[in-house]
Amino acid sequence: MIVIHRDQPLPIPHTSYEEKVIGFCEQWLAGQSMFTIHTSGSTGIPKAIELTRSQMQASAQLTADTFQLQKGDRALCCLNVEYIAGMMMLVRALEIGLELVVIEPTSALSPYLNGIDFVALVPLQLQKLLENPEQHLPALQKMKAIILGGAAVSSSLQENLNALSSPVYATYGMTETVSHIAVQRLNGPGKTDYFQALPGVELGLDERGCLHITAAASNHERIQTNDVAEMLGESRFRILGRADNIINSGGVKIQLEEVDRLLEPIMHEHFPGKRYFTWGFPNETLGQQLALVIEGETQVSGQINRFLEHLKSVLPTYKNPRSIHFISQFMHTPSNKIDKKTSVAQLNRSVRAFVSITSDEAMFSVARTNGPNKRICQ
């Protein structure tokens, strides 16, 4: 752990990670005007993005204004500083005058929470904290704001947020927009089900229905995203999913993120704690077929049967996965997000068992081959 404050000498680093933190701070304090940041790779091959100092300053000031941060506030940086979310925590500290506690990315945050006014987390980190409310709520309740990014917020986490009086926000943004440009309040009286663009941010949709963004943090250049959005006015929107996560199954277009959301309560009931995602697999008849990929070992036939019957009873036919695949462990990007494409490639290379289920009755047949993964087809 190290503590950064612009009015005090930079601490001496003791680890390679701390060297990266101090190295960036030295560059910033020396007035460096351009910075190269790599995208996380969660939606494709990581790429290098050039950002100017003025873009990063504009983003930091927008965050300060939005969450009423001021000099002397104490913040916690527990996100990787090699990517935009963690790096901008450093910039905010140096620009606003925050006292910033910096630790390597972890979910073991208990020793660092006391006295913190502002923190940026991924949903999993907050979920872990709320699993032990007696220990963590006192510190969380005193924060000015808790912001979440990097992954979708599950419905179970949203329910747990009702225990928090301090405001919690989901954020929307990317490397090209220098962190968040919109927020969604997740708890309390100001709770919404949409993102609100921050002041000075202009939004629109292209012919695909994908969001484009113009802001000071983008150097007033239009940033075109692949995120399919529903506009609720000039500055409010919902993200429906990514354009490259739409599959065409028998002429029906299916947004995978929408199916993921529909599956969440069913997965929570039958496979609590299991991570999953939906995917489009090639199919000679349909073109693509909807598949469900679950992390973990294949479950017993009775549990699978109950799960399949539940799916059929609540989901439309075209949103019902036609196959279920189990992977012992998901692959991850350098920023620790699930790498769906690589995970699916791993699945395709190594299948240990195949279980066939007819539409009328459960008929199981297991064919053993090499590898740690299993597939169940419906």
Protein backbone atom coordinates (compact mmCIF):
# COMPACT_ATOMS: atom_id res chain seq x y z
CA MET A 1 0.00 0.00 0.00
CA ILE A 2 1.15 3.53 -0.79
CA VAL A 3 -0.54 6.90 -0.27
CA ILE A 4 -0.41 9.61 -2.95
CA HIS A 5 -0.93 13.31 -2.22
CA ARG A 6 0.11 16.04 -4.62
CA ASP A 7 1.29 18.33 -1.82
CA GLN A 8 3.63 15.70 -0.39
CA PRO A 9 6.70 13.93 -1.80
CA LEU A 10 5.89 10.75 -3.68
CA PRO A 11 6.47 7.64 -1.56
CA ILE A 12 9.26 5.18 -2.30
CA PRO A 13 7.90 2.14 -4.19
CA HIS A 14 8.56 -1.32 -2.78
CA THR A 15 6.95 -3.51 -5.45
CA SER A 16 6.89 -3.58 -9.25
CA TYR A 17 3.24 -2.47 -9.16
CA GLU A 18 4.06 0.49 -6.92
CA GLU A 19 6.86 1.40 -9.36
CA LYS A 20 4.24 1.68 -12.12
CA VAL A 21 2.09 3.91 -9.88
CA ILE A 22 4.97 6.22 -8.97
CA GLY A 23 6.23 6.24 -12.56
CA PHE A 24 2.92 7.56 -13.85
CA CYS A 25 2.67 10.13 -11.04
CA GLU A 26 6.17 11.40 -11.85
CA GLN A 27 5.23 11.79 -15.52
CA TRP A 28 2.06 13.66 -14.60
CA LEU A 29 3.74 15.99 -12.13
CA ALA A 30 6.46 16.70 -14.71
CA GLY A 31 3.78 18.03 -17.07
CA GLN A 32 3.79 15.24 -19.66
CA SER A 33 1.23 16.13 -22.33
CA MET A 34 0.46 12.78 -24.01
CA PHE A 35 -0.22 9.34 -22.56
CA THR A 36 -0.64 5.94 -24.24
CA ILE A 37 -3.24 3.68 -22.64
CA HIS A 38 -4.28 0.22 -23.78
CA THR A 39 -7.89 -0.87 -23.89
CA SER A 40 -8.88 -3.80 -21.70
CA GLY A 41 -9.49 -6.22 -24.57
CA SER A 42 -12.89 -7.29 -23.26
CA THR A 43 -14.58 -6.53 -26.60
CA GLY A 44 -11.73 -7.32 -28.96
CA ILE A 45 -7.97 -7.19 -29.39
CA PRO A 46 -6.45 -4.64 -26.96
CA LYS A 47 -5.37 -1.48 -28.75
CA ALA A 48 -3.29 1.54 -27.81
CA ILE A 49 -5.15 4.83 -27.35
CA GLU A 50 -3.38 8.22 -27.26
CA LEU A 51 -4.91 10.63 -24.74
CA THR A 52 -3.92 14.22 -24.09
CA ARG A 53 -3.35 15.73 -20.69
CA SER A 54 -6.23 18.16 -21.28
CA GLN A 55 -8.63 15.26 -21.99
CA MET A 56 -7.68 13.58 -18.74
CA GLN A 57 -7.93 16.84 -16.81
CA ALA A 58 -11.41 17.45 -18.23
CA SER A 59 -12.52 13.96 -17.18
CA ALA A 60 -11.09 14.37 -13.67
CA GLN A 61 -12.88 17.69 -13.20
CA LEU A 62 -16.16 16.21 -14.45
CA THR A 63 -15.87 13.43 -11.86
CA ALA A 64 -15.08 15.92 -9.11
CA ASP A 65 -18.11 18.05 -10.01
CA THR A 66 -20.44 15.04 -10.31
CA PHE A 67 -19.57 13.49 -6.95
CA GLN A 68 -18.66 16.72 -5.11
CA LEU A 69 -15.08 15.65 -4.50
CA GLN A 70 -12.72 18.23 -3.06
CA LYS A 71 -9.16 18.66 -1.91
CA GLY A 72 -8.40 16.56 1.14
CA ASP A 73 -11.00 13.87 0.46
CA ARG A 74 -9.60 10.37 0.90
CA ALA A 75 -10.03 7.90 -1.98
CA LEU A 76 -9.11 4.27 -2.58
CA CYS A 77 -7.59 3.00 -5.83
CA CYS A 78 -7.92 -0.78 -6.04
CA LEU A 79 -8.20 -1.06 -9.84
CA ASN A 80 -5.28 -1.72 -12.19
CA VAL A 81 -3.52 1.58 -12.95
CA GLU A 82 -2.39 0.26 -16.35
CA TYR A 83 -5.99 0.68 -17.57
CA ILE A 84 -8.14 3.78 -17.74
CA ALA A 85 -10.26 3.18 -14.61
CA GLY A 86 -7.26 2.86 -12.30
CA MET A 87 -5.14 5.43 -14.08
CA MET A 88 -7.85 8.07 -13.80
CA MET A 89 -7.96 7.54 -10.04
CA LEU A 90 -4.33 8.70 -10.01
CA VAL A 91 -5.16 11.70 -12.20
CA ARG A 92 -8.10 12.68 -9.99
CA ALA A 93 -5.89 12.57 -6.92
CA LEU A 94 -3.19 14.71 -8.51
CA GLU A 95 -5.61 17.19 -10.08
CA ILE A 96 -8.19 17.54 -7.30
CA GLY A 97 -5.83 17.07 -4.38
CA LEU A 98 -7.29 13.83 -3.08
CA GLU A 99 -5.39 11.72 -0.59
CA LEU A 100 -5.25 8.46 -2.52
CA VAL A 101 -4.62 5.04 -1.00
CA VAL A 102 -3.29 2.78 -3.77
CA ILE A 103 -3.26 -1.01 -3.51
CA GLU A 104 -2.91 -3.78 -6.05
CA PRO A 105 -6.26 -5.00 -7.45
CA THR A 106 -7.91 -7.33 -4.94
CA SER A 107 -11.26 -8.20 -3.37
CA ALA A 108 -9.69 -8.22 0.11
CA LEU A 109 -10.43 -4.56 0.83
CA SER A 110 -11.26 -4.69 4.54
CA PRO A 111 -8.00 -3.16 5.84
CA TYR A 112 -8.27 -0.12 3.55
CA LEU A 113 -11.88 1.10 3.87
CA ASN A 114 -11.81 3.23 7.02
CA GLY A 115 -11.91 6.94 6.31
CA ILE A 116 -12.46 6.52 2.56
CA ASP A 117 -14.75 9.10 0.91
CA PHE A 118 -14.68 7.84 -2.68
CA VAL A 119 -13.92 4.51 -4.33
CA ALA A 120 -14.19 2.95 -7.79
CA LEU A 121 -14.86 -0.80 -7.83
CA VAL A 122 -15.87 -3.61 -10.12
CA PRO A 123 -19.19 -5.19 -9.06
CA LEU A 124 -17.51 -8.33 -7.72
CA GLN A 125 -15.46 -6.30 -5.24
CA LEU A 126 -18.56 -4.64 -3.80
CA GLN A 127 -20.44 -7.95 -3.76
CA LYS A 128 -17.66 -9.48 -1.65
CA LEU A 129 -17.82 -6.58 0.80
CA LEU A 130 -21.59 -6.84 1.19
CA GLU A 131 -21.32 -10.55 1.99
CA ASN A 132 -20.02 -9.40 5.39
CA PRO A 133 -22.16 -6.33 6.14
CA GLU A 134 -21.39 -6.19 9.86
CA GLN A 135 -17.72 -5.68 9.09
CA HIS A 136 -17.94 -3.41 6.06
CA LEU A 137 -21.17 -1.38 6.19
CA PRO A 138 -19.92 1.13 8.80
CA ALA A 139 -17.12 2.29 6.48
CA LEU A 140 -19.19 2.07 3.28
CA GLN A 141 -22.01 4.14 4.80
CA LYS A 142 -19.67 7.10 5.32
CA MET A 143 -18.58 7.40 1.69
CA LYS A 144 -19.59 10.29 -0.56
CA ALA A 145 -19.93 7.96 -3.54
CA ILE A 146 -19.16 4.42 -4.68
CA ILE A 147 -18.87 3.96 -8.44
CA LEU A 148 -19.02 0.64 -10.28
CA GLY A 149 -17.72 -0.26 -13.72
CA GLY A 150 -16.06 -2.94 -15.79
CA ALA A 151 -18.99 -5.39 -15.71
CA ALA A 152 -22.76 -5.50 -15.48
CA VAL A 153 -24.36 -5.13 -12.05
CA SER A 154 -26.37 -8.25 -11.21
CA SER A 155 -29.90 -8.08 -9.84
CA SER A 156 -28.74 -9.80 -6.63
CA LEU A 157 -26.12 -7.09 -6.07
CA GLN A 158 -28.70 -4.39 -6.76
CA GLU A 159 -30.92 -5.88 -4.06
CA ASN A 160 -28.03 -5.86 -1.59
CA LEU A 161 -27.40 -2.18 -2.32
CA ASN A 162 -30.62 -1.32 -0.49
CA ALA A 163 -28.65 -1.76 2.72
CA LEU A 164 -26.41 1.15 1.75
CA SER A 165 -27.34 4.77 2.39
CA SER A 166 -24.26 6.13 0.63
CA PRO A 167 -24.91 6.63 -3.09
CA VAL A 168 -23.81 3.86 -5.45
CA TYR A 169 -23.57 4.50 -9.19
CA ALA A 170 -23.05 2.30 -12.21
CA THR A 171 -20.84 4.11 -14.70
CA TYR A 172 -20.71 4.06 -18.49
CA GLY A 173 -17.57 4.88 -20.39
CA MET A 174 -14.48 3.49 -22.06
CA THR A 175 -10.82 4.26 -22.69
CA GLU A 176 -11.68 6.49 -25.65
CA THR A 177 -13.97 8.65 -23.48
CA VAL A 178 -11.35 8.77 -20.69
CA SER A 179 -13.46 6.83 -18.17
CA HIS A 180 -17.13 7.51 -17.41
CA ILE A 181 -19.35 9.96 -19.28
CA ALA A 182 -22.67 8.82 -17.77
CA VAL A 183 -23.89 7.40 -14.45
CA GLN A 184 -26.88 5.46 -13.13
CA ARG A 185 -27.89 5.75 -9.47
CA LEU A 186 -28.45 2.21 -8.17
CA ASN A 187 -29.84 2.84 -4.68
CA GLY A 188 -31.64 5.36 -2.53
CA PRO A 189 -34.33 7.88 -3.47
CA GLY A 190 -32.53 8.91 -6.65
CA LYS A 191 -32.41 5.36 -8.04
CA THR A 192 -33.01 5.08 -11.81
CA ASP A 193 -33.11 2.37 -14.47
CA TYR A 194 -31.18 4.42 -17.04
CA PHE A 195 -27.88 6.21 -17.50
CA GLN A 196 -27.76 9.99 -17.24
CA ALA A 197 -25.08 11.70 -19.33
CA LEU A 198 -22.83 14.04 -17.38
CA PRO A 199 -22.88 17.79 -18.16
CA GLY A 200 -21.36 18.70 -21.51
CA VAL A 201 -21.71 15.21 -22.97
CA GLU A 202 -23.61 14.95 -26.28
CA LEU A 203 -25.17 11.66 -27.37
CA GLY A 204 -26.74 10.17 -30.47
CA LEU A 205 -27.37 6.93 -32.35
CA ASP A 206 -26.01 5.74 -35.68
CA GLU A 207 -27.99 3.77 -38.26
CA ARG A 208 -27.42 0.55 -36.29
CA GLY A 209 -28.85 2.08 -33.12
CA CYS A 210 -25.38 2.28 -31.57
CA LEU A 211 -24.42 5.13 -29.26
CA HIS A 212 -22.00 7.87 -30.25
CA ILE A 213 -20.48 10.31 -27.77
CA THR A 214 -18.98 13.80 -27.99
CA ALA A 215 -17.45 15.47 -24.94
CA ALA A 216 -14.52 17.54 -23.73
CA ALA A 217 -12.91 14.29 -22.58
CA SER A 218 -13.00 13.08 -26.21
CA ASN A 219 -11.40 16.32 -27.45
CA HIS A 220 -14.89 17.18 -28.75
CA GLU A 221 -14.50 14.44 -31.36
CA ARG A 222 -17.33 11.98 -31.96
CA ILE A 223 -16.61 8.56 -30.46
CA GLN A 224 -18.63 5.84 -32.18
CA THR A 225 -19.37 2.82 -30.00
CA ASN A 226 -20.72 -0.64 -30.80
CA ASP A 227 -23.16 -0.42 -27.89
CA VAL A 228 -26.81 -0.72 -28.94
CA ALA A 229 -28.75 1.84 -26.91
CA GLU A 230 -32.29 3.02 -26.27
CA MET A 231 -32.44 6.82 -26.04
CA LEU A 232 -34.87 8.26 -23.48
CA GLY A 233 -34.32 11.88 -24.43
CA GLU A 234 -31.19 13.84 -25.29
CA SER A 235 -29.17 12.81 -22.25
CA ARG A 236 -30.71 9.59 -20.92
CA PHE A 237 -30.23 6.10 -22.30
CA ARG A 238 -30.22 2.39 -21.63
CA ILE A 239 -27.57 0.03 -22.98
CA LEU A 240 -29.19 -3.03 -24.58
CA GLY A 241 -25.95 -4.80 -25.53
CA ARG A 242 -23.21 -4.75 -28.13
CA ALA A 243 -23.91 -4.85 -31.84
CA ASP A 244 -21.35 -7.65 -32.21
CA ASN A 245 -23.25 -9.64 -29.56
CA ILE A 246 -26.34 -9.98 -31.75
CA ILE A 247 -26.78 -13.40 -33.31
CA ASN A 248 -29.14 -14.40 -36.11
CA SER A 249 -30.85 -17.70 -35.32
CA GLY A 250 -33.29 -18.85 -37.98
CA GLY A 251 -33.89 -15.26 -39.07
CA VAL A 252 -34.51 -14.02 -35.52
CA LYS A 253 -32.03 -11.50 -34.13
CA ILE A 254 -31.13 -12.18 -30.50
CA GLN A 255 -29.26 -9.73 -28.26
CA LEU A 256 -27.09 -11.93 -26.05
CA GLU A 257 -26.95 -9.49 -23.13
CA GLU A 258 -30.75 -9.44 -22.98
CA VAL A 259 -30.82 -13.24 -22.66
CA ASP A 260 -28.10 -13.05 -19.99
CA ARG A 261 -30.33 -10.74 -17.96
CA LEU A 262 -33.36 -13.02 -18.37
CA LEU A 263 -31.30 -16.02 -17.29
CA GLU A 264 -29.93 -14.39 -14.15
CA PRO A 265 -32.72 -15.25 -11.66
CA ILE A 266 -33.00 -18.78 -13.07
CA MET A 267 -29.25 -19.32 -12.84
CA HIS A 268 -29.28 -17.94 -9.30
CA GLU A 269 -31.92 -20.49 -8.32
CA HIS A 270 -30.37 -23.57 -9.94
CA PHE A 271 -26.64 -22.73 -10.08
CA PRO A 272 -26.06 -20.11 -7.37
CA GLY A 273 -22.71 -18.39 -7.62
CA LYS A 274 -21.90 -19.85 -11.04
CA ARG A 275 -20.65 -17.47 -13.73
CA TYR A 276 -22.11 -17.83 -17.22
CA PHE A 277 -22.66 -16.17 -20.57
CA THR A 278 -24.62 -16.86 -23.75
CA TRP A 279 -23.03 -17.33 -27.15
CA GLY A 280 -23.91 -18.02 -30.77
CA PHE A 281 -22.68 -21.38 -32.07
CA PRO A 282 -22.76 -22.33 -35.79
CA ASN A 283 -25.77 -24.36 -36.85
CA GLU A 284 -26.40 -25.72 -40.35
CA THR A 285 -30.15 -25.17 -40.17
CA LEU A 286 -30.44 -21.97 -38.14
CA GLY A 287 -27.19 -20.30 -39.12
CA GLN A 288 -26.45 -19.72 -35.44
CA GLN A 289 -27.94 -21.34 -32.35
CA LEU A 290 -28.18 -19.82 -28.89
CA ALA A 291 -25.94 -21.55 -26.35
CA LEU A 292 -25.39 -21.16 -22.62
CA VAL A 293 -21.83 -21.48 -21.28
CA ILE A 294 -21.45 -22.12 -17.52
CA GLU A 295 -18.24 -22.13 -15.49
CA GLY A 296 -17.80 -25.27 -13.40
CA GLU A 297 -18.26 -29.01 -13.50
CA THR A 298 -21.24 -30.59 -15.24
CA GLN A 299 -24.14 -31.11 -12.84
CA VAL A 300 -26.14 -34.29 -12.22
CA SER A 301 -28.90 -35.12 -14.68
CA GLY A 302 -31.75 -34.36 -12.28
CA GLN A 303 -30.51 -30.83 -11.68
CA ILE A 304 -30.06 -30.26 -15.41
CA ASN A 305 -33.61 -31.51 -16.07
CA ARG A 306 -35.13 -29.12 -13.52
CA PHE A 307 -33.10 -26.26 -14.96
CA LEU A 308 -34.20 -27.00 -18.53
CA GLU A 309 -37.86 -27.27 -17.54
CA HIS A 310 -37.61 -23.94 -15.74
CA LEU A 311 -36.10 -22.34 -18.84
CA LYS A 312 -38.89 -23.67 -21.04
CA SER A 313 -41.57 -22.42 -18.67
CA VAL A 314 -40.44 -18.79 -18.55
CA LEU A 315 -38.42 -17.98 -21.68
CA PRO A 316 -39.72 -17.49 -25.23
CA THR A 317 -38.65 -20.33 -27.52
CA TYR A 318 -36.15 -18.23 -29.46
CA LYS A 319 -34.49 -17.03 -26.22
CA ASN A 320 -34.20 -20.54 -24.82
CA PRO A 321 -30.61 -21.87 -25.14
CA ARG A 322 -30.47 -24.89 -27.42
CA SER A 323 -27.27 -26.17 -25.83
CA ILE A 324 -25.51 -25.90 -22.48
CA HIS A 325 -21.73 -26.08 -22.19
CA PHE A 326 -19.70 -26.44 -19.00
CA ILE A 327 -16.14 -25.08 -18.81
CA SER A 328 -14.04 -25.86 -15.77
CA GLN A 329 -12.61 -22.33 -15.72
CA PHE A 330 -13.24 -19.26 -17.88
CA MET A 331 -10.35 -17.51 -19.59
CA HIS A 332 -9.71 -13.84 -18.75
CA THR A 333 -8.40 -10.70 -20.45
CA PRO A 334 -5.35 -8.84 -19.07
CA SER A 335 -7.78 -6.60 -17.13
CA ASN A 336 -9.37 -9.72 -15.57
CA LYS A 337 -12.65 -9.61 -17.49
CA ILE A 338 -14.11 -12.84 -18.86
CA ASP A 339 -12.67 -13.53 -22.31
CA LYS A 340 -15.70 -15.13 -23.91
CA LYS A 341 -14.18 -15.77 -27.32
CA THR A 342 -11.10 -17.51 -25.92
CA SER A 343 -13.21 -19.48 -23.46
CA VAL A 344 -15.42 -20.74 -26.29
CA ALA A 345 -12.35 -21.63 -28.36
CA GLN A 346 -11.08 -23.64 -25.40
CA LEU A 347 -14.44 -25.39 -25.22
CA ASN A 348 -14.37 -26.28 -28.90
CA ARG A 349 -10.88 -27.77 -28.58
CA SER A 350 -11.67 -30.07 -25.70
CA VAL A 351 -15.00 -31.76 -24.98
CA ARG A 352 -15.11 -34.61 -22.50
CA ALA A 353 -18.78 -35.50 -22.52
CA PHE A 354 -21.85 -34.95 -24.63
CA VAL A 355 -25.35 -35.27 -23.20
CA SER A 356 -28.32 -35.30 -25.56
CA ILE A 357 -31.75 -34.23 -24.32
CA THR A 358 -34.83 -34.64 -26.52
CA SER A 359 -37.56 -32.02 -26.43
CA ASP A 360 -40.15 -34.50 -25.14
CA GLU A 361 -38.26 -36.35 -22.45
CA ALA A 362 -34.87 -36.34 -20.82
CA MET A 363 -32.66 -38.91 -22.54
CA PHE A 364 -29.01 -38.80 -21.52
CA SER A 365 -26.10 -40.33 -23.40
CA VAL A 366 -22.51 -39.66 -22.38
CA ALA A 367 -19.60 -39.98 -24.78
CA ARG A 368 -16.18 -39.70 -23.13
CA THR A 369 -13.32 -37.97 -24.90
CA ASN A 370 -10.33 -36.03 -23.64
CA GLY A 371 -10.51 -32.69 -21.83
CA PRO A 372 -12.05 -30.85 -18.88
CA ASN A 373 -15.22 -29.55 -20.47
CA LYS A 374 -18.70 -30.84 -21.16
CA ARG A 375 -21.55 -29.99 -23.49
CA ILE A 376 -25.26 -30.61 -23.13
CA CYS A 377 -27.53 -30.19 -26.14
CA GLN A 378 -31.27 -29.79 -26.12
